[in-house]
Amino acid sequence: MSDSTNPKPARKLNPALAKPVQPDEVLAAVVGSTPLSRGELTKKLWDYIKANGLQDQTKKTNINADEKLKAVFGGKSQVTMFEMTKLVSAHIKA
């Protein structure tokens, strides 16, 4: 039986992800200084990474830092995308 008569309920947006956060000066160098939702911030971060070719070509889950990202990543020249999320959180004011 097909359940096309029962449309899937719309996915609820996590309010914590939609609430604007303020990037600090270090992160603002990458994503801008205006308050953004966490979703927008992540999108801008990935746009920057892709525009500058910073995603590791052999291991796609690694991000190679340029000078701006190195400041965000606490001086590390390479981090995993999972580690990146944690490091970026230190640079936002809720």
N, C-alpha and C. Protein backbone atom coordinates (compact mmCIF):
# COMPACT_ATOMS: atom_id res chain seq x y z
N MET A 1 0.82 -1.19 0.00
CA MET A 1 0.00 0.00 0.00
C MET A 1 0.86 1.25 0.00
N SER A 2 0.45 2.19 -0.77
CA SER A 2 1.15 3.46 -0.83
C SER A 2 0.56 4.41 0.20
N ASP A 3 1.39 5.19 0.83
CA ASP A 3 0.84 6.14 1.78
C ASP A 3 0.90 7.57 1.23
N SER A 4 0.63 7.69 -0.07
CA SER A 4 0.62 9.00 -0.70
C SER A 4 -0.56 9.85 -0.24
N THR A 5 -1.58 9.20 0.35
CA THR A 5 -2.72 9.95 0.88
C THR A 5 -2.36 10.60 2.21
N ASN A 6 -1.35 10.07 2.91
CA ASN A 6 -0.90 10.65 4.17
C ASN A 6 0.43 11.38 3.95
N PRO A 7 0.38 12.68 3.68
CA PRO A 7 1.65 13.38 3.46
C PRO A 7 2.48 13.38 4.75
N LYS A 8 3.80 13.33 4.57
CA LYS A 8 4.71 13.33 5.71
C LYS A 8 4.60 14.67 6.44
N PRO A 9 4.53 14.65 7.76
CA PRO A 9 4.47 15.93 8.46
C PRO A 9 5.74 16.74 8.23
N ALA A 10 5.61 18.04 8.15
CA ALA A 10 6.76 18.90 7.90
C ALA A 10 7.75 18.76 9.06
N ARG A 11 9.02 18.74 8.72
CA ARG A 11 10.05 18.63 9.74
C ARG A 11 10.12 19.92 10.53
N LYS A 12 10.13 19.81 11.84
CA LYS A 12 10.19 21.00 12.68
C LYS A 12 11.61 21.51 12.74
N LEU A 13 11.75 22.81 12.63
CA LEU A 13 13.05 23.44 12.73
C LEU A 13 13.47 23.49 14.19
N ASN A 14 14.70 23.15 14.46
CA ASN A 14 15.21 23.23 15.82
C ASN A 14 15.38 24.71 16.15
N PRO A 15 14.66 25.23 17.17
CA PRO A 15 14.74 26.66 17.48
C PRO A 15 16.15 27.11 17.84
N ALA A 16 16.97 26.22 18.40
CA ALA A 16 18.35 26.58 18.75
C ALA A 16 19.17 26.86 17.49
N LEU A 17 18.85 26.17 16.40
CA LEU A 17 19.59 26.37 15.14
C LEU A 17 19.12 27.62 14.41
N ALA A 18 17.89 28.05 14.67
CA ALA A 18 17.33 29.21 13.97
C ALA A 18 17.65 30.52 14.67
N LYS A 19 18.00 30.45 15.98
CA LYS A 19 18.28 31.66 16.75
C LYS A 19 19.58 32.30 16.28
N PRO A 20 19.56 33.60 15.99
CA PRO A 20 20.81 34.25 15.53
C PRO A 20 21.89 34.24 16.60
N VAL A 21 23.11 34.02 16.16
CA VAL A 21 24.27 34.07 17.04
C VAL A 21 25.25 35.10 16.46
N GLN A 22 26.07 35.67 17.32
CA GLN A 22 27.02 36.70 16.90
C GLN A 22 28.43 36.12 16.79
N PRO A 23 29.00 36.11 15.56
CA PRO A 23 30.39 35.63 15.42
C PRO A 23 31.35 36.62 16.09
N ASP A 24 32.41 36.12 16.74
CA ASP A 24 33.42 37.02 17.29
C ASP A 24 34.30 37.54 16.14
N GLU A 25 35.28 38.38 16.47
CA GLU A 25 36.11 39.01 15.43
C GLU A 25 36.86 37.99 14.58
N VAL A 26 37.32 36.91 15.20
CA VAL A 26 38.09 35.88 14.49
C VAL A 26 37.21 35.19 13.45
N LEU A 27 36.03 34.76 13.87
CA LEU A 27 35.11 34.07 12.95
C LEU A 27 34.51 35.05 11.93
N ALA A 28 34.32 36.30 12.34
CA ALA A 28 33.76 37.31 11.45
C ALA A 28 34.65 37.53 10.21
N ALA A 29 35.94 37.28 10.35
CA ALA A 29 36.86 37.41 9.21
C ALA A 29 36.51 36.41 8.10
N VAL A 30 35.81 35.32 8.48
CA VAL A 30 35.44 34.29 7.52
C VAL A 30 33.98 34.42 7.08
N VAL A 31 33.06 34.63 8.02
CA VAL A 31 31.63 34.60 7.70
C VAL A 31 30.94 35.97 7.75
N GLY A 32 31.66 37.02 8.13
CA GLY A 32 31.05 38.34 8.25
C GLY A 32 30.64 38.60 9.69
N SER A 33 30.37 39.87 10.01
CA SER A 33 30.14 40.24 11.41
C SER A 33 28.67 40.36 11.79
N THR A 34 27.75 40.13 10.83
CA THR A 34 26.34 40.23 11.17
C THR A 34 25.85 38.96 11.86
N PRO A 35 24.91 39.08 12.80
CA PRO A 35 24.37 37.88 13.46
C PRO A 35 23.72 36.94 12.44
N LEU A 36 23.97 35.64 12.60
CA LEU A 36 23.46 34.61 11.69
C LEU A 36 22.89 33.46 12.51
N SER A 37 21.96 32.72 11.92
CA SER A 37 21.53 31.49 12.58
C SER A 37 22.68 30.49 12.43
N ARG A 38 22.69 29.46 13.26
CA ARG A 38 23.75 28.46 13.16
C ARG A 38 23.76 27.80 11.79
N GLY A 39 22.57 27.59 11.23
CA GLY A 39 22.48 27.01 9.89
C GLY A 39 23.12 27.89 8.84
N GLU A 40 22.83 29.20 8.88
CA GLU A 40 23.43 30.14 7.93
C GLU A 40 24.94 30.23 8.13
N LEU A 41 25.36 30.21 9.40
CA LEU A 41 26.78 30.30 9.71
C LEU A 41 27.51 29.09 9.12
N THR A 42 26.95 27.91 9.30
CA THR A 42 27.56 26.69 8.75
C THR A 42 27.62 26.75 7.23
N LYS A 43 26.54 27.24 6.61
CA LYS A 43 26.51 27.36 5.15
C LYS A 43 27.60 28.32 4.66
N LYS A 44 27.72 29.48 5.32
CA LYS A 44 28.76 30.45 4.92
C LYS A 44 30.16 29.88 5.11
N LEU A 45 30.34 29.13 6.18
CA LEU A 45 31.63 28.50 6.45
C LEU A 45 31.98 27.52 5.33
N TRP A 46 31.01 26.68 4.95
CA TRP A 46 31.24 25.72 3.86
C TRP A 46 31.43 26.43 2.52
N ASP A 47 30.70 27.53 2.28
CA ASP A 47 30.91 28.30 1.05
C ASP A 47 32.35 28.79 0.98
N TYR A 48 32.86 29.27 2.11
CA TYR A 48 34.24 29.76 2.19
C TYR A 48 35.23 28.62 1.94
N ILE A 49 34.99 27.48 2.58
CA ILE A 49 35.87 26.32 2.43
C ILE A 49 35.92 25.87 0.97
N LYS A 50 34.75 25.78 0.34
CA LYS A 50 34.69 25.33 -1.06
C LYS A 50 35.28 26.37 -2.02
N ALA A 51 34.98 27.66 -1.78
CA ALA A 51 35.49 28.72 -2.65
C ALA A 51 37.02 28.79 -2.63
N ASN A 52 37.61 28.41 -1.50
CA ASN A 52 39.07 28.48 -1.36
C ASN A 52 39.75 27.12 -1.49
N GLY A 53 38.98 26.09 -1.86
CA GLY A 53 39.54 24.75 -2.08
C GLY A 53 40.20 24.17 -0.84
N LEU A 54 39.57 24.34 0.33
CA LEU A 54 40.19 23.92 1.58
C LEU A 54 39.76 22.53 2.06
N GLN A 55 38.82 21.91 1.34
CA GLN A 55 38.43 20.54 1.71
C GLN A 55 39.51 19.60 1.18
N ASP A 56 40.01 18.73 2.06
CA ASP A 56 41.07 17.82 1.67
C ASP A 56 40.61 16.94 0.51
N GLN A 57 41.45 16.82 -0.51
CA GLN A 57 41.06 16.06 -1.70
C GLN A 57 41.09 14.55 -1.50
N THR A 58 41.96 14.07 -0.63
CA THR A 58 42.05 12.63 -0.41
C THR A 58 41.09 12.16 0.68
N LYS A 59 40.92 12.95 1.73
CA LYS A 59 39.99 12.59 2.80
C LYS A 59 39.02 13.76 2.97
N LYS A 60 37.87 13.64 2.34
CA LYS A 60 36.89 14.73 2.26
C LYS A 60 36.36 15.22 3.61
N THR A 61 36.50 14.43 4.67
CA THR A 61 36.02 14.87 5.98
C THR A 61 37.02 15.81 6.67
N ASN A 62 38.19 16.01 6.06
CA ASN A 62 39.19 16.91 6.64
C ASN A 62 39.15 18.27 5.97
N ILE A 63 39.37 19.30 6.77
CA ILE A 63 39.42 20.67 6.28
C ILE A 63 40.84 21.18 6.50
N ASN A 64 41.47 21.68 5.42
CA ASN A 64 42.80 22.26 5.51
C ASN A 64 42.62 23.76 5.75
N ALA A 65 43.23 24.29 6.78
CA ALA A 65 43.03 25.68 7.16
C ALA A 65 43.96 26.62 6.42
N ASP A 66 43.39 27.76 5.95
CA ASP A 66 44.22 28.86 5.49
C ASP A 66 44.46 29.73 6.73
N GLU A 67 45.06 30.91 6.58
CA GLU A 67 45.38 31.74 7.75
C GLU A 67 44.14 32.13 8.56
N LYS A 68 43.05 32.50 7.87
CA LYS A 68 41.82 32.90 8.58
C LYS A 68 41.23 31.73 9.37
N LEU A 69 41.16 30.55 8.74
CA LEU A 69 40.58 29.39 9.42
C LEU A 69 41.50 28.87 10.52
N LYS A 70 42.80 29.02 10.33
CA LYS A 70 43.75 28.57 11.36
C LYS A 70 43.47 29.30 12.68
N ALA A 71 43.11 30.58 12.58
CA ALA A 71 42.78 31.36 13.78
C ALA A 71 41.51 30.81 14.43
N VAL A 72 40.53 30.43 13.61
CA VAL A 72 39.28 29.86 14.12
C VAL A 72 39.54 28.49 14.73
N PHE A 73 40.44 27.72 14.12
CA PHE A 73 40.72 26.34 14.56
C PHE A 73 41.77 26.26 15.66
N GLY A 74 42.06 27.36 16.31
CA GLY A 74 43.02 27.35 17.42
C GLY A 74 44.45 27.03 16.99
N GLY A 75 44.82 27.45 15.79
CA GLY A 75 46.18 27.24 15.30
C GLY A 75 46.40 25.94 14.56
N LYS A 76 45.39 25.08 14.51
CA LYS A 76 45.55 23.79 13.81
C LYS A 76 45.49 24.01 12.30
N SER A 77 46.34 23.29 11.56
CA SER A 77 46.35 23.44 10.11
C SER A 77 45.37 22.51 9.42
N GLN A 78 44.88 21.48 10.14
CA GLN A 78 43.88 20.58 9.58
C GLN A 78 42.99 20.05 10.70
N VAL A 79 41.67 20.04 10.45
CA VAL A 79 40.72 19.50 11.41
C VAL A 79 39.70 18.66 10.65
N THR A 80 38.99 17.79 11.37
CA THR A 80 37.89 17.06 10.73
C THR A 80 36.67 17.96 10.74
N MET A 81 35.69 17.68 9.89
CA MET A 81 34.49 18.53 9.85
C MET A 81 33.73 18.46 11.17
N PHE A 82 33.87 17.35 11.90
CA PHE A 82 33.20 17.21 13.20
C PHE A 82 33.89 18.06 14.25
N GLU A 83 35.20 18.06 14.21
CA GLU A 83 36.00 18.88 15.13
C GLU A 83 35.77 20.36 14.84
N MET A 84 35.60 20.68 13.56
CA MET A 84 35.38 22.07 13.14
C MET A 84 34.16 22.66 13.83
N THR A 85 33.07 21.90 13.92
CA THR A 85 31.84 22.37 14.54
C THR A 85 32.09 22.80 15.98
N LYS A 86 32.85 21.99 16.71
CA LYS A 86 33.15 22.28 18.11
C LYS A 86 34.04 23.53 18.21
N LEU A 87 35.03 23.64 17.34
CA LEU A 87 35.95 24.77 17.38
C LEU A 87 35.24 26.08 17.02
N VAL A 88 34.33 26.02 16.07
CA VAL A 88 33.58 27.21 15.64
C VAL A 88 32.67 27.70 16.78
N SER A 89 32.10 26.76 17.54
CA SER A 89 31.22 27.12 18.65
C SER A 89 31.90 28.02 19.67
N ALA A 90 33.21 27.90 19.80
CA ALA A 90 33.95 28.74 20.75
C ALA A 90 34.01 30.19 20.28
N HIS A 91 33.68 30.44 19.01
CA HIS A 91 33.79 31.79 18.43
C HIS A 91 32.44 32.47 18.20
N ILE A 92 31.38 31.94 18.83
CA ILE A 92 30.07 32.57 18.69
C ILE A 92 29.49 32.95 20.04
N LYS A 93 28.81 34.08 20.02
CA LYS A 93 28.12 34.54 21.24
C LYS A 93 26.64 34.39 21.00
N ALA A 94 25.96 33.63 21.84
CA ALA A 94 24.53 33.39 21.65
C ALA A 94 23.71 34.61 22.00
